[in-house]
Amino acid sequence: MCADALAGDDEAWRPFKAWVEIHRMLDHAVARKARGEVGTVGFPPEIQEFAKTFVNLQMIRHSADYNPVFKLNAAEVSSQIDEVKKRMADLKSVDKRHKIAFAVWVLARGKGVSDSRAYFRKGLDRRGVDPRGKPLDSDRGAD
């Protein structure tokens, strides 16, 4: 989702190498942490559920990798596949700007990013408007 949002989802147009780099950029430890915070940022429910499903599948994969007695039966695997299909279908209805905002939010790291997020959190918490003076609304995650 992040690679498509940032480099494009049109295979004929998008820069393939950039798409691959973005696709591999996600730090899974950061993704686990982001899952716990995604509901506080203002992203649409479809993105919140996508993040939750991603982390849940990651936990299952870790169990399969590191626990030699972990097993899923066919019904459990089928259920997980259905969940992923649903979340991916739900994402198609999400406005592109929310997808871009989520991709940047989950991928961007560093002191400047942390400082920026702290600034916005402080401003939003204190006055109910963002630091530019814009009133809060349902598209907070896209700004």
N, C-alpha and C. Protein backbone atom coordinates (compact mmCIF):
# COMPACT_ATOMS: atom_id res chain seq x y z
N MET A 1 0.82 -1.18 0.00
CA MET A 1 0.00 0.00 0.00
C MET A 1 0.87 1.25 0.00
N CYS A 2 1.92 1.26 0.83
CA CYS A 2 2.79 2.44 0.91
C CYS A 2 3.47 2.72 -0.41
N ALA A 3 3.98 1.67 -1.04
CA ALA A 3 4.69 1.85 -2.32
C ALA A 3 3.75 2.37 -3.38
N ASP A 4 2.55 1.82 -3.46
CA ASP A 4 1.57 2.29 -4.44
C ASP A 4 1.18 3.74 -4.17
N ALA A 5 1.01 4.09 -2.90
CA ALA A 5 0.60 5.45 -2.56
C ALA A 5 1.67 6.48 -2.92
N LEU A 6 2.94 6.12 -2.72
CA LEU A 6 4.01 7.10 -2.92
C LEU A 6 4.64 7.07 -4.31
N ALA A 7 4.79 5.88 -4.88
CA ALA A 7 5.43 5.78 -6.20
C ALA A 7 4.43 5.58 -7.32
N GLY A 8 3.20 5.26 -6.96
CA GLY A 8 2.15 5.09 -7.96
C GLY A 8 1.72 3.64 -8.09
N ASP A 9 0.46 3.46 -8.45
CA ASP A 9 -0.05 2.11 -8.60
C ASP A 9 -0.20 1.69 -10.06
N ASP A 10 0.20 2.56 -10.97
CA ASP A 10 0.17 2.24 -12.40
C ASP A 10 1.52 1.65 -12.79
N GLU A 11 1.55 0.35 -13.01
CA GLU A 11 2.81 -0.34 -13.29
C GLU A 11 3.53 0.22 -14.52
N ALA A 12 2.79 0.70 -15.49
CA ALA A 12 3.41 1.22 -16.71
C ALA A 12 4.06 2.58 -16.48
N TRP A 13 3.59 3.31 -15.47
CA TRP A 13 4.07 4.67 -15.25
C TRP A 13 5.07 4.78 -14.10
N ARG A 14 4.85 4.05 -13.03
CA ARG A 14 5.64 4.26 -11.81
C ARG A 14 7.11 3.90 -12.01
N PRO A 15 8.00 4.60 -11.31
CA PRO A 15 9.43 4.26 -11.36
C PRO A 15 9.65 2.96 -10.56
N PHE A 16 9.94 1.88 -11.24
CA PHE A 16 9.98 0.56 -10.62
C PHE A 16 10.98 0.47 -9.47
N LYS A 17 12.18 0.97 -9.67
CA LYS A 17 13.19 0.88 -8.60
C LYS A 17 12.75 1.64 -7.35
N ALA A 18 12.17 2.82 -7.53
CA ALA A 18 11.67 3.59 -6.39
C ALA A 18 10.54 2.84 -5.70
N TRP A 19 9.66 2.22 -6.48
CA TRP A 19 8.55 1.46 -5.92
C TRP A 19 9.07 0.30 -5.06
N VAL A 20 10.08 -0.41 -5.56
CA VAL A 20 10.67 -1.53 -4.81
C VAL A 20 11.31 -1.02 -3.52
N GLU A 21 12.05 0.09 -3.59
CA GLU A 21 12.69 0.64 -2.40
C GLU A 21 11.66 1.02 -1.34
N ILE A 22 10.58 1.67 -1.76
CA ILE A 22 9.53 2.03 -0.81
C ILE A 22 8.88 0.77 -0.24
N HIS A 23 8.65 -0.20 -1.12
CA HIS A 23 8.05 -1.46 -0.69
C HIS A 23 8.86 -2.13 0.41
N ARG A 24 10.18 -2.04 0.34
CA ARG A 24 11.07 -2.68 1.31
C ARG A 24 11.43 -1.76 2.49
N MET A 25 10.98 -0.54 2.48
CA MET A 25 11.39 0.46 3.46
C MET A 25 10.77 0.24 4.85
N LEU A 26 9.62 -0.37 4.91
CA LEU A 26 8.89 -0.49 6.17
C LEU A 26 9.68 -1.29 7.20
N ASP A 27 9.89 -0.68 8.35
CA ASP A 27 10.51 -1.35 9.49
C ASP A 27 9.38 -1.98 10.30
N HIS A 28 9.38 -3.29 10.42
CA HIS A 28 8.26 -3.98 11.05
C HIS A 28 8.11 -3.64 12.53
N ALA A 29 9.20 -3.34 13.21
CA ALA A 29 9.09 -2.91 14.61
C ALA A 29 8.36 -1.58 14.69
N VAL A 30 8.65 -0.70 13.75
CA VAL A 30 7.96 0.60 13.70
C VAL A 30 6.49 0.37 13.37
N ALA A 31 6.21 -0.58 12.47
CA ALA A 31 4.83 -0.86 12.10
C ALA A 31 4.03 -1.35 13.31
N ARG A 32 4.62 -2.18 14.15
CA ARG A 32 3.94 -2.65 15.36
C ARG A 32 3.61 -1.47 16.28
N LYS A 33 4.56 -0.58 16.45
CA LYS A 33 4.33 0.60 17.30
C LYS A 33 3.27 1.51 16.68
N ALA A 34 3.35 1.70 15.38
CA ALA A 34 2.40 2.56 14.68
C ALA A 34 0.98 2.02 14.80
N ARG A 35 0.83 0.71 14.83
CA ARG A 35 -0.50 0.11 14.95
C ARG A 35 -1.20 0.60 16.21
N GLY A 36 -0.45 0.74 17.29
CA GLY A 36 -1.03 1.22 18.53
C GLY A 36 -1.39 2.69 18.51
N GLU A 37 -0.78 3.45 17.61
CA GLU A 37 -0.99 4.90 17.54
C GLU A 37 -1.92 5.33 16.42
N VAL A 38 -2.18 4.44 15.47
CA VAL A 38 -2.89 4.83 14.25
C VAL A 38 -4.28 5.39 14.54
N GLY A 39 -4.92 4.94 15.59
CA GLY A 39 -6.25 5.45 15.93
C GLY A 39 -6.24 6.85 16.51
N THR A 40 -5.09 7.30 17.00
CA THR A 40 -5.01 8.62 17.62
C THR A 40 -4.67 9.72 16.63
N VAL A 41 -4.36 9.35 15.41
CA VAL A 41 -3.88 10.32 14.42
C VAL A 41 -5.01 10.87 13.56
N GLY A 42 -6.10 10.15 13.44
CA GLY A 42 -7.23 10.63 12.66
C GLY A 42 -7.37 9.96 11.31
N PHE A 43 -6.76 8.81 11.11
CA PHE A 43 -6.91 8.09 9.85
C PHE A 43 -8.29 7.44 9.78
N PRO A 44 -8.80 7.25 8.58
CA PRO A 44 -10.11 6.59 8.42
C PRO A 44 -10.08 5.16 9.00
N PRO A 45 -11.24 4.66 9.38
CA PRO A 45 -11.32 3.31 9.96
C PRO A 45 -10.72 2.22 9.07
N GLU A 46 -10.85 2.38 7.76
CA GLU A 46 -10.30 1.36 6.84
C GLU A 46 -8.79 1.25 7.00
N ILE A 47 -8.11 2.37 7.19
CA ILE A 47 -6.66 2.35 7.38
C ILE A 47 -6.33 1.79 8.76
N GLN A 48 -7.11 2.14 9.75
CA GLN A 48 -6.87 1.62 11.09
C GLN A 48 -7.01 0.09 11.11
N GLU A 49 -8.03 -0.42 10.45
CA GLU A 49 -8.23 -1.88 10.40
C GLU A 49 -7.14 -2.56 9.58
N PHE A 50 -6.69 -1.90 8.51
CA PHE A 50 -5.58 -2.43 7.71
C PHE A 50 -4.33 -2.58 8.58
N ALA A 51 -4.03 -1.54 9.36
CA ALA A 51 -2.84 -1.58 10.23
C ALA A 51 -2.97 -2.69 11.27
N LYS A 52 -4.14 -2.83 11.84
CA LYS A 52 -4.38 -3.88 12.83
C LYS A 52 -4.17 -5.27 12.21
N THR A 53 -4.71 -5.48 11.03
CA THR A 53 -4.57 -6.77 10.35
C THR A 53 -3.11 -7.04 10.01
N PHE A 54 -2.40 -6.03 9.55
CA PHE A 54 -0.98 -6.18 9.22
C PHE A 54 -0.20 -6.69 10.42
N VAL A 55 -0.40 -6.05 11.56
CA VAL A 55 0.33 -6.43 12.77
C VAL A 55 -0.08 -7.82 13.24
N ASN A 56 -1.37 -8.12 13.17
CA ASN A 56 -1.82 -9.46 13.58
C ASN A 56 -1.18 -10.54 12.70
N LEU A 57 -1.12 -10.30 11.41
CA LEU A 57 -0.48 -11.28 10.52
C LEU A 57 1.02 -11.38 10.78
N GLN A 58 1.62 -10.27 11.11
CA GLN A 58 3.04 -10.29 11.45
C GLN A 58 3.29 -11.14 12.69
N MET A 59 2.41 -11.05 13.67
CA MET A 59 2.55 -11.85 14.88
C MET A 59 2.39 -13.34 14.56
N ILE A 60 1.46 -13.67 13.69
CA ILE A 60 1.28 -15.07 13.27
C ILE A 60 2.53 -15.57 12.55
N ARG A 61 3.07 -14.74 11.68
CA ARG A 61 4.28 -15.13 10.95
C ARG A 61 5.44 -15.37 11.91
N HIS A 62 5.59 -14.51 12.91
CA HIS A 62 6.65 -14.70 13.90
C HIS A 62 6.45 -15.99 14.67
N SER A 63 5.22 -16.29 15.03
CA SER A 63 4.95 -17.55 15.71
C SER A 63 5.34 -18.73 14.83
N ALA A 64 5.01 -18.66 13.56
CA ALA A 64 5.36 -19.74 12.64
C ALA A 64 6.87 -19.86 12.46
N ASP A 65 7.57 -18.73 12.46
CA ASP A 65 9.03 -18.75 12.27
C ASP A 65 9.78 -19.25 13.50
N TYR A 66 9.31 -18.87 14.69
CA TYR A 66 10.11 -19.09 15.89
C TYR A 66 9.56 -20.13 16.86
N ASN A 67 8.36 -20.59 16.65
CA ASN A 67 7.77 -21.60 17.54
C ASN A 67 7.58 -22.89 16.73
N PRO A 68 8.43 -23.89 16.95
CA PRO A 68 8.37 -25.10 16.13
C PRO A 68 7.08 -25.91 16.27
N VAL A 69 6.28 -25.66 17.31
CA VAL A 69 5.03 -26.41 17.45
C VAL A 69 3.81 -25.59 17.02
N PHE A 70 4.02 -24.36 16.56
CA PHE A 70 2.91 -23.52 16.11
C PHE A 70 2.36 -24.06 14.80
N LYS A 71 1.04 -24.18 14.73
CA LYS A 71 0.40 -24.64 13.51
C LYS A 71 -0.94 -23.92 13.33
N LEU A 72 -1.29 -23.71 12.09
CA LEU A 72 -2.61 -23.22 11.75
C LEU A 72 -3.28 -24.30 10.91
N ASN A 73 -4.55 -24.53 11.16
CA ASN A 73 -5.26 -25.49 10.30
C ASN A 73 -5.77 -24.76 9.06
N ALA A 74 -6.30 -25.51 8.14
CA ALA A 74 -6.75 -24.94 6.86
C ALA A 74 -7.82 -23.86 7.05
N ALA A 75 -8.72 -24.09 7.99
CA ALA A 75 -9.78 -23.10 8.23
C ALA A 75 -9.19 -21.79 8.77
N GLU A 76 -8.19 -21.88 9.64
CA GLU A 76 -7.56 -20.68 10.19
C GLU A 76 -6.81 -19.91 9.10
N VAL A 77 -6.12 -20.64 8.24
CA VAL A 77 -5.40 -20.00 7.12
C VAL A 77 -6.40 -19.32 6.19
N SER A 78 -7.48 -20.02 5.88
CA SER A 78 -8.51 -19.47 5.00
C SER A 78 -9.12 -18.21 5.61
N SER A 79 -9.35 -18.23 6.91
CA SER A 79 -9.90 -17.06 7.60
C SER A 79 -8.95 -15.86 7.51
N GLN A 80 -7.66 -16.10 7.67
CA GLN A 80 -6.67 -15.02 7.57
C GLN A 80 -6.61 -14.46 6.15
N ILE A 81 -6.68 -15.33 5.17
CA ILE A 81 -6.68 -14.89 3.76
C ILE A 81 -7.91 -14.03 3.49
N ASP A 82 -9.07 -14.47 3.97
CA ASP A 82 -10.30 -13.69 3.79
C ASP A 82 -10.19 -12.32 4.44
N GLU A 83 -9.57 -12.27 5.62
CA GLU A 83 -9.39 -10.99 6.34
C GLU A 83 -8.52 -10.04 5.51
N VAL A 84 -7.44 -10.55 4.97
CA VAL A 84 -6.55 -9.72 4.14
C VAL A 84 -7.29 -9.22 2.91
N LYS A 85 -8.03 -10.09 2.24
CA LYS A 85 -8.79 -9.68 1.05
C LYS A 85 -9.78 -8.58 1.39
N LYS A 86 -10.45 -8.72 2.54
CA LYS A 86 -11.41 -7.69 2.96
C LYS A 86 -10.71 -6.36 3.21
N ARG A 87 -9.62 -6.39 3.94
CA ARG A 87 -8.90 -5.15 4.27
C ARG A 87 -8.37 -4.49 2.99
N MET A 88 -7.85 -5.28 2.06
CA MET A 88 -7.34 -4.72 0.81
C MET A 88 -8.49 -4.12 -0.01
N ALA A 89 -9.63 -4.80 -0.04
CA ALA A 89 -10.80 -4.26 -0.76
C ALA A 89 -11.28 -2.96 -0.09
N ASP A 90 -11.29 -2.94 1.25
CA ASP A 90 -11.71 -1.73 1.97
C ASP A 90 -10.79 -0.55 1.66
N LEU A 91 -9.50 -0.82 1.51
CA LEU A 91 -8.54 0.25 1.22
C LEU A 91 -8.82 0.92 -0.11
N LYS A 92 -9.39 0.20 -1.05
CA LYS A 92 -9.67 0.77 -2.37
C LYS A 92 -10.62 1.96 -2.28
N SER A 93 -11.47 1.97 -1.25
CA SER A 93 -12.44 3.06 -1.11
C SER A 93 -11.86 4.29 -0.41
N VAL A 94 -10.66 4.17 0.13
CA VAL A 94 -10.05 5.28 0.88
C VAL A 94 -9.46 6.30 -0.08
N ASP A 95 -9.73 7.56 0.20
CA ASP A 95 -9.20 8.66 -0.61
C ASP A 95 -7.68 8.57 -0.68
N LYS A 96 -7.13 8.84 -1.85
CA LYS A 96 -5.69 8.70 -2.07
C LYS A 96 -4.86 9.56 -1.11
N ARG A 97 -5.34 10.72 -0.74
CA ARG A 97 -4.55 11.57 0.15
C ARG A 97 -4.39 10.94 1.53
N HIS A 98 -5.37 10.16 1.98
CA HIS A 98 -5.25 9.45 3.24
C HIS A 98 -4.21 8.33 3.13
N LYS A 99 -4.20 7.67 1.98
CA LYS A 99 -3.21 6.61 1.76
C LYS A 99 -1.79 7.19 1.75
N ILE A 100 -1.63 8.32 1.09
CA ILE A 100 -0.32 8.98 1.04
C ILE A 100 0.08 9.41 2.46
N ALA A 101 -0.85 10.02 3.18
CA ALA A 101 -0.54 10.48 4.55
C ALA A 101 -0.15 9.30 5.43
N PHE A 102 -0.85 8.18 5.31
CA PHE A 102 -0.53 7.00 6.11
C PHE A 102 0.84 6.45 5.74
N ALA A 103 1.12 6.38 4.44
CA ALA A 103 2.42 5.86 3.99
C ALA A 103 3.55 6.71 4.54
N VAL A 104 3.42 8.01 4.47
CA VAL A 104 4.45 8.90 5.01
C VAL A 104 4.53 8.73 6.52
N TRP A 105 3.38 8.66 7.18
CA TRP A 105 3.35 8.55 8.63
C TRP A 105 4.05 7.28 9.11
N VAL A 106 3.85 6.18 8.42
CA VAL A 106 4.43 4.91 8.88
C VAL A 106 5.89 4.75 8.42
N LEU A 107 6.29 5.42 7.35
CA LEU A 107 7.65 5.25 6.83
C LEU A 107 8.63 6.31 7.30
N ALA A 108 8.16 7.53 7.50
CA ALA A 108 9.06 8.64 7.82
C ALA A 108 9.58 8.50 9.26
N ARG A 109 10.87 8.63 9.41
CA ARG A 109 11.52 8.52 10.71
C ARG A 109 12.62 9.57 10.81
N GLY A 110 13.03 9.86 12.01
CA GLY A 110 14.13 10.80 12.23
C GLY A 110 13.72 11.90 13.18
N LYS A 111 14.71 12.64 13.62
CA LYS A 111 14.47 13.69 14.61
C LYS A 111 13.51 14.76 14.09
N GLY A 112 13.69 15.17 12.87
CA GLY A 112 12.82 16.21 12.31
C GLY A 112 11.36 15.76 12.26
N VAL A 113 11.15 14.51 11.89
CA VAL A 113 9.80 13.97 11.85
C VAL A 113 9.21 13.92 13.26
N SER A 114 10.00 13.43 14.21
CA SER A 114 9.54 13.36 15.60
C SER A 114 9.19 14.74 16.14
N ASP A 115 10.05 15.71 15.85
CA ASP A 115 9.81 17.08 16.31
C ASP A 115 8.53 17.65 15.69
N SER A 116 8.34 17.40 14.40
CA SER A 116 7.15 17.89 13.71
C SER A 116 5.89 17.28 14.31
N ARG A 117 5.91 15.98 14.55
CA ARG A 117 4.74 15.31 15.11
C ARG A 117 4.45 15.82 16.53
N ALA A 118 5.50 16.03 17.30
CA ALA A 118 5.31 16.55 18.65
C ALA A 118 4.71 17.96 18.60
N TYR A 119 5.15 18.77 17.67
CA TYR A 119 4.63 20.13 17.51
C TYR A 119 3.14 20.08 17.19
N PHE A 120 2.76 19.24 16.25
CA PHE A 120 1.35 19.14 15.88
C PHE A 120 0.51 18.58 17.01
N ARG A 121 1.03 17.56 17.70
CA ARG A 121 0.28 16.99 18.84
C ARG A 121 0.06 18.06 19.91
N LYS A 122 1.09 18.80 20.20
CA LYS A 122 0.99 19.84 21.22
C LYS A 122 -0.04 20.89 20.81
N GLY A 123 0.04 21.35 19.59
CA GLY A 123 -0.90 22.35 19.10
C GLY A 123 -2.32 21.83 19.05
N LEU A 124 -2.49 20.60 18.59
CA LEU A 124 -3.83 20.04 18.49
C LEU A 124 -4.43 19.81 19.87
N ASP A 125 -3.63 19.35 20.80
CA ASP A 125 -4.13 19.07 22.15
C ASP A 125 -4.52 20.35 22.87
N ARG A 126 -3.76 21.41 22.65
CA ARG A 126 -3.94 22.63 23.42
C ARG A 126 -5.12 23.48 22.92
N ARG A 127 -5.29 23.62 21.62
CA ARG A 127 -6.25 24.60 21.12
C ARG A 127 -7.41 24.01 20.32
N GLY A 128 -7.33 22.73 19.94
CA GLY A 128 -8.38 22.15 19.13
C GLY A 128 -8.30 22.55 17.66
N VAL A 129 -7.21 23.21 17.29
CA VAL A 129 -6.95 23.54 15.90
C VAL A 129 -5.52 23.17 15.61
N ASP A 130 -5.20 22.99 14.35
CA ASP A 130 -3.80 22.67 14.06
C ASP A 130 -2.97 23.95 14.14
N PRO A 131 -1.64 23.85 14.17
CA PRO A 131 -0.79 25.03 14.35
C PRO A 131 -0.95 26.10 13.27
N ARG A 132 -1.60 25.78 12.16
CA ARG A 132 -1.85 26.79 11.12
C ARG A 132 -3.15 27.53 11.39
N GLY A 133 -3.85 27.12 12.46
CA GLY A 133 -5.13 27.74 12.79
C GLY A 133 -6.32 27.09 12.12
N LYS A 134 -6.10 25.99 11.42
CA LYS A 134 -7.19 25.30 10.73
C LYS A 134 -7.98 24.45 11.73
N PRO A 135 -9.30 24.60 11.79
CA PRO A 135 -10.10 23.77 12.70
C PRO A 135 -9.95 22.29 12.37
N LEU A 136 -10.04 21.46 13.38
CA LEU A 136 -9.97 20.02 13.18
C LEU A 136 -11.20 19.55 12.43
N ASP A 137 -11.01 18.56 11.58
CA ASP A 137 -12.14 17.93 10.91
C ASP A 137 -11.80 16.48 10.66
N SER A 138 -12.62 15.78 9.94
CA SER A 138 -12.46 14.33 9.78
C SER A 138 -11.26 13.95 8.91
N ASP A 139 -10.63 14.90 8.24
CA ASP A 139 -9.49 14.52 7.38
C ASP A 139 -8.15 14.83 8.01
N ARG A 140 -8.09 14.87 9.35
CA ARG A 140 -6.84 15.19 10.05
C ARG A 140 -5.68 14.35 9.58
N GLY A 141 -5.88 13.06 9.36
CA GLY A 141 -4.77 12.20 8.99
C GLY A 141 -4.18 12.55 7.64
N ALA A 142 -4.90 13.26 6.80
CA ALA A 142 -4.41 13.57 5.46
C ALA A 142 -3.57 14.84 5.41
N ASP A 143 -3.54 15.59 6.49
CA ASP A 143 -2.75 16.84 6.46
C ASP A 143 -1.36 16.63 7.01
